[in-house]
């Protein structure tokens, strides 16, 4: 049974959602709040496993509420609700750790699906916590409990008495220089089994840190043995090694930070690559923040739009991520995952012609697509898969666009875009009133007549700029622009580049591996 907090300033919506949850999950504890301030008060006295909150509310909005949430000992998931038009709120909600983002008004079937997904995620986290607790119990059984607690106090920087320090040295087997090894014990092998393999190499002081139960910390008074490291690599374990310290007993906090930081490099490892990393070798830029580049989103949009369904989009995804990373040291994995998610958001919003429902579904997929990704190859595969789903939606939208009475109007516009077209003349030609044609056109294509003509002309402009050496002013004339300066302004407003910059970028695009 879970406790759920519902936060919404709309009484009708709050009451309806509360009633639905009580019918779906009568055994759950349901608590409501009318704004972020009331919700924060509720969270100060009670733990909730699921929080469903609106973003825009009086007194304190949902984003500020999430920022003020204090950590709790039990797992927690946050689901944000918002209108379709508030993309910037969705971005901020995702960056603050939102588990899901749903559009209002809620679709009951989709809400049930999201609720079930949330429950499954919580169940998995609880199962993982229980697994680590069992691992810790087995490790404690292999050595006196007080020694395990003492080593953790030492690792966490607690003040130790002289007797405690002497006991730590006794457990480690040395008291001077040494290095700290951090091993990620994934893959089914237990910490106890790892220590059995390490003892022949003279290492006996291994323990699981209380704050990172998936790791095994081992102290070594000598340089790590090459044969031992090769054996660990063959087992598929990740090993992070701190720089040697002359006084490891005193420098353990620094050594632990170095070793865990080095082990983080496993995210960027290729399949089959040994995952033994030394802090002295560097490799990641922990302070690096990735900057969004609209050109990368534009290239991905083009790859999605031109996708023919025969090949995958792995090269497009890898080229985009490679361009995002550049040639300098890569950032921490969570920073890359965050920026790739933002890039996918931008692609979904930039694509024309998608129905709002379809766009909303892809936004929800993008909001949680990084869940469970633990390596760079997985990131590329997941991103390529989502791009292919989006490409199929774009292709379907194109097919729908060609059907019905609007098809003849669009064919006429596509054939006469270089002329002085106006909404009134096209409406009259196909026997529509100007007002009705305006509304009908926008309801089918989700853009105005002028926006469509402008995008069509710019699409043709891109083809001409990328495939020929025709002067820019000639391109403008052939597209129906009599003023080349106005054409330049329109082109840059829509693409972020001048026509000449776009031509140069297109011709060098092969270096980005995006086709």
Protein backbone atom coordinates (compact mmCIF):
# COMPACT_ATOMS: atom_id res chain seq x y z
CA UNK A 1 0.00 0.00 0.00
CA UNK A 2 1.30 3.45 -0.93
CA UNK A 3 0.47 6.93 0.36
CA UNK A 4 -0.41 9.41 -2.40
CA UNK A 5 -0.47 13.22 -2.21
CA UNK A 6 -2.62 15.06 -4.79
CA UNK A 7 -1.90 18.77 -5.32
CA UNK A 8 -4.13 20.93 -7.54
CA UNK A 9 -5.73 24.36 -7.15
CA UNK A 10 -8.76 23.36 -9.27
CA UNK A 11 -11.36 21.89 -6.82
CA UNK A 12 -13.21 19.96 -9.50
CA UNK A 13 -10.07 18.38 -10.88
CA UNK A 14 -8.74 17.61 -7.40
CA UNK A 15 -12.02 15.99 -6.37
CA UNK A 16 -12.32 14.01 -9.61
CA UNK A 17 -8.75 12.71 -9.47
CA UNK A 18 -9.11 11.84 -5.77
CA UNK A 19 -12.32 9.94 -6.44
CA UNK A 20 -10.77 8.05 -9.35
CA UNK A 21 -7.78 6.99 -7.24
CA UNK A 22 -10.01 5.84 -4.37
CA UNK A 23 -11.94 3.66 -6.81
CA UNK A 24 -8.79 2.30 -8.46
CA UNK A 25 -6.75 1.84 -5.27
CA UNK A 26 -9.11 1.75 -2.24
CA UNK A 27 -6.32 0.46 -0.01
CA UNK A 28 -4.07 3.49 -0.64
CA UNK A 29 -3.86 6.52 1.63
CA UNK A 30 -5.02 9.57 -0.38
CA UNK A 31 -4.22 13.10 0.88
CA UNK A 32 -5.03 16.34 -1.01
CA UNK A 33 -3.58 19.86 -1.04
CA UNK A 34 -4.69 23.00 -2.91
CA UNK A 35 -1.25 24.49 -3.58
CA UNK A 36 2.45 23.90 -3.13
CA UNK A 37 2.55 25.46 0.33
CA UNK A 38 -0.12 23.12 1.70
CA UNK A 39 1.65 20.20 0.01
CA UNK A 40 4.99 21.15 1.60
CA UNK A 41 3.30 21.24 5.02
CA UNK A 42 1.86 17.77 4.44
CA UNK A 43 5.28 16.40 3.42
CA UNK A 44 6.90 17.82 6.55
CA UNK A 45 4.84 15.49 8.75
CA UNK A 46 4.26 12.47 6.51
CA UNK A 47 6.09 10.46 3.86
CA UNK A 48 4.42 9.95 0.48
CA UNK A 49 5.54 7.39 -2.07
CA UNK A 50 3.63 9.04 -4.94
CA UNK A 51 3.05 12.79 -5.43
CA UNK A 52 0.78 13.98 -8.26
CA UNK A 53 0.94 17.76 -8.60
CA UNK A 54 -0.11 20.50 -10.95
CA UNK A 55 2.62 22.95 -12.01
CA UNK A 56 0.83 26.32 -12.10
CA UNK A 57 -0.79 27.10 -8.73
CA UNK A 58 -1.16 30.12 -6.44
CA UNK A 59 0.99 30.77 -3.32
CA UNK A 60 3.58 28.19 -4.35
CA UNK A 61 3.69 26.45 -7.73
CA UNK A 62 4.56 22.83 -8.27
CA UNK A 63 8.16 23.51 -9.34
CA UNK A 64 9.01 25.44 -6.15
CA UNK A 65 7.28 22.74 -4.14
CA UNK A 66 9.50 20.04 -5.67
CA UNK A 67 12.61 22.14 -5.03
CA UNK A 68 11.73 22.34 -1.32
CA UNK A 69 11.00 18.63 -0.85
CA UNK A 70 13.33 17.20 1.77
CA UNK A 71 14.92 13.77 1.16
CA UNK A 72 13.08 10.84 2.71
CA UNK A 73 14.17 7.36 3.62
CA UNK A 74 11.56 5.63 1.43
CA UNK A 75 11.43 5.76 -2.40
CA UNK A 76 9.29 8.51 -3.91
CA UNK A 77 7.95 9.30 -7.40
CA UNK A 78 6.58 12.65 -8.61
CA UNK A 79 4.09 12.99 -11.50
CA UNK A 80 3.58 16.48 -12.90
CA UNK A 81 0.40 17.70 -14.56
CA UNK A 82 0.29 20.67 -16.93
CA UNK A 83 -1.34 22.08 -20.02
CA UNK A 84 0.12 21.30 -23.46
CA UNK A 85 1.49 24.79 -24.04
CA UNK A 86 3.86 24.92 -21.04
CA UNK A 87 6.93 23.19 -22.50
CA UNK A 88 9.34 25.26 -20.42
CA UNK A 89 7.65 24.01 -17.23
CA UNK A 90 7.99 20.42 -18.45
CA UNK A 91 11.71 20.97 -19.03
CA UNK A 92 12.23 22.35 -15.53
CA UNK A 93 10.12 19.59 -13.97
CA UNK A 94 12.24 16.93 -15.68
CA UNK A 95 15.47 18.62 -14.51
CA UNK A 96 14.15 18.58 -10.91
CA UNK A 97 13.63 14.83 -10.99
CA UNK A 98 10.01 14.42 -12.06
CA UNK A 99 9.18 10.76 -12.77
CA UNK A 100 6.37 11.48 -15.26
CA UNK A 101 4.81 14.45 -17.03
CA UNK A 102 1.15 14.24 -18.11
CA UNK A 103 -0.95 16.62 -20.12
CA UNK A 104 -4.26 18.05 -18.84
CA UNK A 105 -7.05 17.23 -19.18
CA UNK A 106 -6.12 13.71 -18.14
CA UNK A 107 -7.00 10.70 -20.25
CA UNK A 108 -8.20 8.09 -17.68
CA UNK A 109 -6.67 5.16 -19.58
CA UNK A 110 -3.32 6.90 -19.89
CA UNK A 111 -3.45 7.89 -16.24
CA UNK A 112 -4.00 4.27 -15.23
CA UNK A 113 -1.03 3.28 -17.41
CA UNK A 114 1.20 5.91 -15.79
CA UNK A 115 0.02 4.86 -12.31
CA UNK A 116 0.86 1.22 -13.02
CA UNK A 117 4.28 2.23 -14.39
CA UNK A 118 4.92 4.31 -11.26
CA UNK A 119 3.94 1.42 -8.98
CA UNK A 120 6.22 -0.94 -10.91
CA UNK A 121 9.13 1.51 -10.60
CA UNK A 122 8.59 1.78 -6.84
CA UNK A 123 8.38 -2.00 -6.50
CA UNK A 124 11.67 -2.37 -8.38
CA UNK A 125 13.42 0.17 -6.17
CA UNK A 126 12.12 -1.48 -3.00
CA UNK A 127 13.31 -4.84 -4.33
CA UNK A 128 16.75 -3.38 -5.06
CA UNK A 129 16.99 -1.90 -1.57
CA UNK A 130 16.07 -5.23 -0.05
CA UNK A 131 18.66 -6.96 -2.22
CA UNK A 132 21.39 -4.59 -1.05
CA UNK A 133 20.30 -5.06 2.54
CA UNK A 134 20.67 -8.80 2.12
CA UNK A 135 24.12 -8.30 0.58
CA UNK A 136 25.12 -6.15 3.55
CA UNK A 137 23.86 -8.83 5.95
CA UNK A 138 25.97 -11.48 4.22
CA UNK A 139 29.02 -9.24 4.35
CA UNK A 140 28.41 -8.51 8.05
CA UNK A 141 28.16 -12.22 8.72
CA UNK A 142 31.65 -12.70 7.23
CA UNK A 143 33.26 -10.27 9.69
CA UNK A 144 32.41 -8.85 13.09
CA UNK A 145 29.66 -6.25 12.83
CA UNK A 146 31.57 -3.68 14.80
CA UNK A 147 34.50 -3.80 12.35
CA UNK A 148 32.12 -3.16 9.47
CA UNK A 149 30.58 -0.20 11.28
CA UNK A 150 34.02 1.13 12.19
CA UNK A 151 35.23 1.01 8.59
CA UNK A 152 32.10 2.85 7.47
CA UNK A 153 32.63 5.52 10.11
CA UNK A 154 36.18 5.90 8.87
CA UNK A 155 35.02 6.16 5.26
CA UNK A 156 32.30 8.68 6.11
CA UNK A 157 34.73 10.98 7.94
CA UNK A 158 33.41 10.50 11.48
CA UNK A 159 35.70 11.57 14.29
CA UNK A 160 37.67 8.51 15.45
CA UNK A 161 39.46 8.15 18.74
CA UNK A 162 43.10 7.10 18.82
CA UNK A 163 42.00 3.55 19.67
CA UNK A 164 39.56 3.55 16.71
CA UNK A 165 42.31 4.70 14.35
CA UNK A 166 44.60 1.99 15.61
CA UNK A 167 41.83 -0.58 15.05
CA UNK A 168 41.31 0.65 11.47
CA UNK A 169 45.05 0.24 10.79
CA UNK A 170 44.89 -3.25 12.26
CA UNK A 171 41.96 -4.20 10.00
CA UNK A 172 43.63 -2.74 6.91
CA UNK A 173 46.96 -4.33 7.71
CA UNK A 174 48.93 -1.14 7.09
CA UNK A 175 48.99 2.44 8.35
CA UNK A 176 51.02 4.45 5.85
CA UNK A 177 50.74 4.96 2.11
CA UNK A 178 48.09 3.20 0.08
CA UNK A 179 45.27 3.43 -2.45
CA UNK A 180 41.54 2.87 -2.27
CA UNK A 181 39.75 0.62 -4.76
CA UNK A 182 36.04 0.93 -5.45
CA UNK A 183 34.45 -2.05 -7.20
CA UNK A 184 30.96 -2.03 -8.69
CA UNK A 185 29.68 -5.52 -7.88
CA UNK A 186 27.04 -5.74 -10.59
CA UNK A 187 26.58 -8.87 -12.67
CA UNK A 188 25.45 -11.32 -9.98
CA UNK A 189 28.72 -11.70 -8.07
CA UNK A 190 28.48 -10.90 -4.38
CA UNK A 191 30.95 -8.78 -2.33
CA UNK A 192 31.90 -11.87 -0.35
CA UNK A 193 32.78 -13.79 -3.52
CA UNK A 194 34.89 -10.87 -4.73
CA UNK A 195 36.80 -10.75 -1.44
CA UNK A 196 37.50 -14.50 -1.69
CA UNK A 197 39.17 -13.80 -5.05
CA UNK A 198 41.17 -10.86 -3.68
CA UNK A 199 42.62 -12.52 -0.57
CA UNK A 200 45.35 -14.42 -2.49
CA UNK A 201 46.63 -10.99 -3.57
CA UNK A 202 46.99 -9.85 0.05
CA UNK A 203 43.75 -7.82 0.20
CA UNK A 204 41.43 -8.68 3.07
CA UNK A 205 39.90 -5.34 4.15
CA UNK A 206 36.82 -5.03 1.98
CA UNK A 207 33.46 -3.64 3.01
CA UNK A 208 30.21 -2.30 1.54
CA UNK A 209 29.66 1.42 2.19
CA UNK A 210 26.37 2.17 3.93
CA UNK A 211 25.60 5.08 1.60
CA UNK A 212 26.46 3.16 -1.61
CA UNK A 213 25.42 -0.46 -1.00
CA UNK A 214 26.13 -1.50 -4.61
CA UNK A 215 29.86 -0.85 -4.17
CA UNK A 216 32.71 -2.71 -2.51
CA UNK A 217 35.55 -0.63 -1.01
CA UNK A 218 38.98 -2.25 -0.69
CA UNK A 219 42.12 -0.63 0.79
CA UNK A 220 45.52 -1.59 -0.58
CA UNK A 221 48.89 -0.72 0.97
CA UNK A 222 50.72 -1.44 -2.30
CA UNK A 223 50.16 -0.62 -5.95
CA UNK A 224 47.27 -2.79 -7.25
CA UNK A 225 48.58 -5.99 -8.80
CA UNK A 226 48.25 -6.09 -12.61
CA UNK A 227 47.18 -9.75 -12.65
CA UNK A 228 44.54 -9.02 -10.01
CA UNK A 229 43.13 -6.11 -12.04
CA UNK A 230 43.04 -8.28 -15.17
CA UNK A 231 41.14 -10.96 -13.25
CA UNK A 232 38.56 -8.39 -12.05
CA UNK A 233 38.18 -7.01 -15.58
CA UNK A 234 37.57 -10.51 -16.97
CA UNK A 235 34.78 -10.91 -14.42
CA UNK A 236 33.15 -7.81 -15.91
CA UNK A 237 33.60 -5.73 -12.77
CA UNK A 238 34.22 -1.99 -12.82
CA UNK A 239 37.20 -0.87 -10.72
CA UNK A 240 38.03 2.72 -9.74
CA UNK A 241 41.44 3.34 -8.18
CA UNK A 242 42.43 6.46 -6.23
CA UNK A 243 45.81 8.14 -6.54
CA UNK A 244 48.32 6.80 -3.98
CA UNK A 245 48.27 8.66 -0.66
CA UNK A 246 51.11 8.79 1.85
CA UNK A 247 48.59 8.81 4.70
CA UNK A 248 45.54 6.91 3.48
CA UNK A 249 44.07 6.73 6.99
CA UNK A 250 43.78 10.53 7.05
CA UNK A 251 43.01 11.02 3.34
CA UNK A 252 40.30 8.36 2.96
CA UNK A 253 37.52 10.85 2.07
CA UNK A 254 39.56 12.27 -0.81
CA UNK A 255 40.64 8.80 -1.94
CA UNK A 256 37.04 7.53 -1.91
CA UNK A 257 35.85 10.51 -3.97
CA UNK A 258 38.66 9.93 -6.49
CA UNK A 259 37.97 6.21 -6.82
CA UNK A 260 34.20 6.56 -7.24
CA UNK A 261 34.73 9.41 -9.74
CA UNK A 262 37.15 7.22 -11.74
CA UNK A 263 34.65 4.33 -11.74
CA UNK A 264 32.01 6.63 -13.25
CA UNK A 265 33.93 6.48 -16.52
CA UNK A 266 32.41 3.03 -17.09
CA UNK A 267 29.37 4.81 -18.56
CA UNK A 268 31.37 5.69 -21.69
CA UNK A 269 32.98 2.23 -22.06
CA UNK A 270 32.37 0.29 -25.25
CA UNK A 271 31.25 -3.39 -25.11
CA UNK A 272 34.14 -5.70 -24.22
CA UNK A 273 36.38 -2.86 -23.07
CA UNK A 274 38.19 -3.46 -19.71
CA UNK A 275 36.66 -1.24 -17.07
CA UNK A 276 39.60 -0.52 -14.78
CA UNK A 277 40.10 3.21 -14.25
CA UNK A 278 42.74 5.14 -12.32
CA UNK A 279 41.89 8.57 -10.95
CA UNK A 280 45.34 9.84 -12.01
CA UNK A 281 44.41 9.25 -15.66
CA UNK A 282 41.48 11.72 -15.52
CA UNK A 283 38.85 11.27 -18.23
CA UNK A 284 35.70 13.11 -17.11
CA UNK A 285 35.01 16.80 -16.53
CA UNK A 286 32.83 16.80 -13.42
CA UNK A 287 32.04 20.50 -13.73
CA UNK A 288 31.24 20.57 -17.43
CA UNK A 289 27.73 21.67 -18.41
CA UNK A 290 26.56 20.91 -21.94
CA UNK A 291 25.14 23.79 -23.98
CA UNK A 292 22.16 23.25 -26.28
CA UNK A 293 22.76 23.80 -29.99
CA UNK A 294 19.72 24.42 -32.18
CA UNK A 295 21.63 23.15 -35.21
CA UNK A 296 21.83 19.65 -33.73
CA UNK A 297 18.06 19.61 -33.20
CA UNK A 298 17.56 20.84 -36.78
CA UNK A 299 19.74 18.05 -38.15
CA UNK A 300 17.86 15.43 -36.14
CA UNK A 301 14.56 16.87 -37.40
CA UNK A 302 15.84 16.52 -40.94
CA UNK A 303 16.96 12.93 -40.32
CA UNK A 304 13.54 12.06 -38.86
CA UNK A 305 11.65 13.82 -41.66
CA UNK A 306 13.71 12.13 -44.41
CA UNK A 307 13.69 8.67 -42.83
CA UNK A 308 12.59 6.05 -45.37
CA UNK A 309 12.02 3.19 -42.92
CA UNK A 310 14.76 0.94 -44.32
CA UNK A 311 17.72 1.80 -42.08
CA UNK A 312 17.84 2.68 -38.41
CA UNK A 313 18.62 6.07 -36.98
CA UNK A 314 21.61 4.98 -34.89
CA UNK A 315 24.02 7.03 -37.01
CA UNK A 316 21.84 10.12 -36.59
CA UNK A 317 21.61 9.60 -32.82
CA UNK A 318 25.33 8.90 -32.42
CA UNK A 319 26.26 11.84 -34.65
CA UNK A 320 24.07 14.18 -32.61
CA UNK A 321 25.45 12.99 -29.27
CA UNK A 322 29.01 13.13 -30.62
CA UNK A 323 28.42 16.69 -31.78
CA UNK A 324 26.95 17.52 -28.36
CA UNK A 325 30.01 16.14 -26.55
CA UNK A 326 32.60 17.73 -28.83
CA UNK A 327 36.30 16.93 -28.54
CA UNK A 328 36.89 17.81 -24.89
CA UNK A 329 36.58 15.59 -21.83
CA UNK A 330 33.00 14.25 -21.51
CA UNK A 331 30.78 15.39 -18.65
CA UNK A 332 29.31 13.28 -15.87
CA UNK A 333 26.76 10.76 -17.26
CA UNK A 334 23.76 12.45 -15.64
CA UNK A 335 24.61 15.71 -17.43
CA UNK A 336 24.74 13.97 -20.82
CA UNK A 337 21.46 12.14 -20.16
CA UNK A 338 19.79 15.40 -19.15
CA UNK A 339 20.93 17.23 -22.28
CA UNK A 340 20.01 14.40 -24.66
CA UNK A 341 16.53 14.36 -23.14
CA UNK A 342 16.27 18.13 -23.68
CA UNK A 343 17.43 17.67 -27.27
CA UNK A 344 14.72 15.07 -27.90
CA UNK A 345 12.14 17.43 -26.38
CA UNK A 346 13.23 20.12 -28.82
CA UNK A 347 13.04 17.77 -31.82
CA UNK A 348 9.50 16.73 -30.91
CA UNK A 349 8.40 20.34 -30.57
CA UNK A 350 10.11 21.50 -33.78
CA UNK A 351 8.55 18.86 -36.03
CA UNK A 352 5.60 20.18 -38.00
CA UNK A 353 2.31 18.44 -38.72
CA UNK A 354 2.09 16.11 -35.70
CA UNK A 355 -1.27 15.93 -33.97
CA UNK A 356 -1.23 17.23 -30.41
CA UNK A 357 -2.09 13.80 -29.02
CA UNK A 358 0.79 12.16 -30.87
CA UNK A 359 3.19 14.92 -29.87
CA UNK A 360 2.11 14.56 -26.23
CA UNK A 361 2.74 10.79 -26.32
CA UNK A 362 6.26 11.29 -27.64
CA UNK A 363 6.94 13.95 -25.00
CA UNK A 364 5.98 11.48 -22.29
CA UNK A 365 8.27 8.87 -23.84
CA UNK A 366 11.15 11.36 -23.94
CA UNK A 367 10.54 12.43 -20.34
CA UNK A 368 11.43 8.97 -19.01
CA UNK A 369 13.43 7.38 -21.84
CA UNK A 370 16.71 7.64 -19.83
CA UNK A 371 15.35 5.44 -17.03
CA UNK A 372 17.65 2.46 -16.58
CA UNK A 373 20.34 3.63 -19.05
CA UNK A 374 23.74 2.78 -17.59
CA UNK A 375 26.09 3.07 -20.58
CA UNK A 376 26.81 5.18 -23.65
CA UNK A 377 25.88 2.38 -26.12
CA UNK A 378 22.53 2.00 -24.34
CA UNK A 379 21.96 5.75 -24.63
CA UNK A 380 22.54 5.67 -28.40
CA UNK A 381 20.28 2.63 -28.85
CA UNK A 382 17.45 4.13 -26.77
CA UNK A 383 17.70 7.51 -28.53
CA UNK A 384 17.70 5.87 -31.97
CA UNK A 385 14.66 3.79 -31.04
CA UNK A 386 12.70 6.84 -29.90
CA UNK A 387 13.72 8.77 -33.03
CA UNK A 388 12.42 5.90 -35.18
CA UNK A 389 9.08 5.97 -33.36
CA UNK A 390 8.87 9.72 -33.95
CA UNK A 391 9.83 9.22 -37.62
CA UNK A 392 6.97 6.74 -38.05
CA UNK A 393 4.55 9.31 -36.60
CA UNK A 394 5.88 11.94 -39.01
CA UNK A 395 5.46 9.54 -41.94
CA UNK A 396 1.91 8.75 -40.84
CA UNK A 397 1.13 12.46 -40.57
CA UNK A 398 2.39 12.93 -44.12
CA UNK A 399 0.09 10.17 -45.35
CA UNK A 400 -2.88 11.69 -43.56
CA UNK A 401 -2.04 15.08 -45.00
CA UNK A 402 -2.37 13.78 -48.54
CA UNK A 403 -5.89 12.48 -48.02
CA UNK A 404 -9.18 14.35 -48.40
CA UNK A 405 -10.15 17.69 -49.79
CA UNK A 406 -7.15 19.44 -48.26
CA UNK A 407 -4.88 17.38 -50.48
CA UNK A 408 -5.93 19.31 -53.60
CA UNK A 409 -5.36 22.62 -51.84
CA UNK A 410 -1.92 21.58 -50.70
CA UNK A 411 -1.01 20.28 -54.16
CA UNK A 412 -1.94 23.65 -55.61
CA UNK A 413 0.10 25.50 -52.99
CA UNK A 414 3.05 23.14 -53.50
CA UNK A 415 2.94 23.89 -57.24
CA UNK A 416 2.54 27.69 -56.93
CA UNK A 417 4.52 28.54 -53.82
CA UNK A 418 6.88 30.74 -55.88
CA UNK A 419 3.97 33.03 -56.85
CA UNK A 420 2.25 35.77 -54.84
CA UNK A 421 -0.08 33.38 -53.05
CA UNK A 422 -2.61 34.65 -50.54
CA UNK A 423 -5.06 32.88 -48.30
CA UNK A 424 -7.98 34.66 -49.96
CA UNK A 425 -7.06 33.64 -53.53
CA UNK A 426 -6.48 29.98 -52.65
CA UNK A 427 -9.71 29.85 -50.63
CA UNK A 428 -11.67 31.32 -53.54
CA UNK A 429 -10.12 28.88 -56.01
CA UNK A 430 -11.38 25.93 -53.99
CA UNK A 431 -14.75 27.53 -53.18
CA UNK A 432 -14.15 28.25 -49.48
CA UNK A 433 -14.87 31.42 -47.63
CA UNK A 434 -11.68 33.03 -46.38
CA UNK A 435 -12.68 32.66 -42.70
CA UNK A 436 -13.67 29.00 -42.99
CA UNK A 437 -10.56 28.15 -45.01
CA UNK A 438 -8.37 29.77 -42.37
CA UNK A 439 -9.88 27.69 -39.54
CA UNK A 440 -10.01 24.47 -41.57
CA UNK A 441 -6.42 24.80 -42.75
CA UNK A 442 -5.11 25.37 -39.22
CA UNK A 443 -7.18 22.49 -37.74
CA UNK A 444 -5.74 20.02 -40.27
CA UNK A 445 -2.10 21.14 -40.38
CA UNK A 446 -1.76 22.82 -36.95
CA UNK A 447 -0.29 25.92 -38.55
CA UNK A 448 -1.59 28.95 -40.44
CA UNK A 449 -1.64 29.33 -44.21
CA UNK A 450 1.22 31.84 -44.13
CA UNK A 451 3.30 29.62 -41.86
CA UNK A 452 2.83 26.72 -44.26
CA UNK A 453 3.84 28.75 -47.31
CA UNK A 454 6.86 30.16 -45.47
CA UNK A 455 8.03 26.71 -44.35
CA UNK A 456 7.49 25.30 -47.84
CA UNK A 457 9.55 28.08 -49.38
CA UNK A 458 12.28 27.63 -46.79
CA UNK A 459 12.32 23.88 -47.39
CA UNK A 460 12.85 24.52 -51.10
CA UNK A 461 15.45 27.11 -50.19
CA UNK A 462 17.38 24.55 -48.15
CA UNK A 463 17.31 22.12 -51.10
CA UNK A 464 18.59 24.79 -53.49
CA UNK A 465 21.24 26.05 -51.07
CA UNK A 466 22.50 22.58 -50.27
CA UNK A 467 22.42 21.23 -53.84
CA UNK A 468 23.63 24.08 -56.00
CA UNK A 469 25.83 27.17 -56.18
CA UNK A 470 22.96 29.48 -57.17
CA UNK A 471 23.41 32.95 -55.68
CA UNK A 472 21.28 33.69 -52.63
CA UNK A 473 19.43 36.54 -54.33
CA UNK A 474 18.57 34.18 -57.24
CA UNK A 475 17.25 31.61 -54.77
CA UNK A 476 15.09 34.31 -53.19
CA UNK A 477 13.69 35.41 -56.58
CA UNK A 478 12.83 31.84 -57.59
CA UNK A 479 10.93 31.36 -54.33
CA UNK A 480 8.79 34.47 -54.79
CA UNK A 481 10.78 36.87 -52.57
CA UNK A 482 11.42 40.16 -54.30
CA UNK A 483 13.55 41.52 -51.46
CA UNK A 484 16.64 39.40 -50.72
CA UNK A 485 17.18 41.16 -47.37
CA UNK A 486 13.68 40.18 -46.27
CA UNK A 487 14.35 36.60 -47.42
CA UNK A 488 17.56 36.54 -45.35
CA UNK A 489 15.67 37.74 -42.25
CA UNK A 490 12.91 35.14 -42.68
CA UNK A 491 15.43 32.35 -43.27
CA UNK A 492 17.52 33.20 -40.20
CA UNK A 493 14.42 33.61 -37.99
CA UNK A 494 13.21 30.12 -38.89
CA UNK A 495 16.57 28.24 -38.95
CA UNK A 496 18.88 30.29 -36.74
CA UNK A 497 21.35 30.54 -39.66
CA UNK A 498 21.84 32.85 -42.63
CA UNK A 499 21.45 31.20 -46.07
CA UNK A 500 25.22 31.26 -46.58
CA UNK A 501 25.84 29.73 -43.12
CA UNK A 502 23.29 27.00 -43.85
CA UNK A 503 24.97 26.21 -47.19
CA UNK A 504 28.39 25.92 -45.54
CA UNK A 505 27.02 23.79 -42.70
CA UNK A 506 25.16 21.43 -45.05
CA UNK A 507 28.27 20.76 -47.09
CA UNK A 508 30.27 19.83 -44.01
CA UNK A 509 27.46 17.79 -42.43
CA UNK A 510 29.09 14.46 -43.25
CA UNK A 511 31.55 14.97 -40.42
CA UNK A 512 28.61 14.71 -37.99
CA UNK A 513 27.52 11.30 -39.36
CA UNK A 514 23.95 12.54 -39.87
CA UNK A 515 22.37 11.65 -43.19
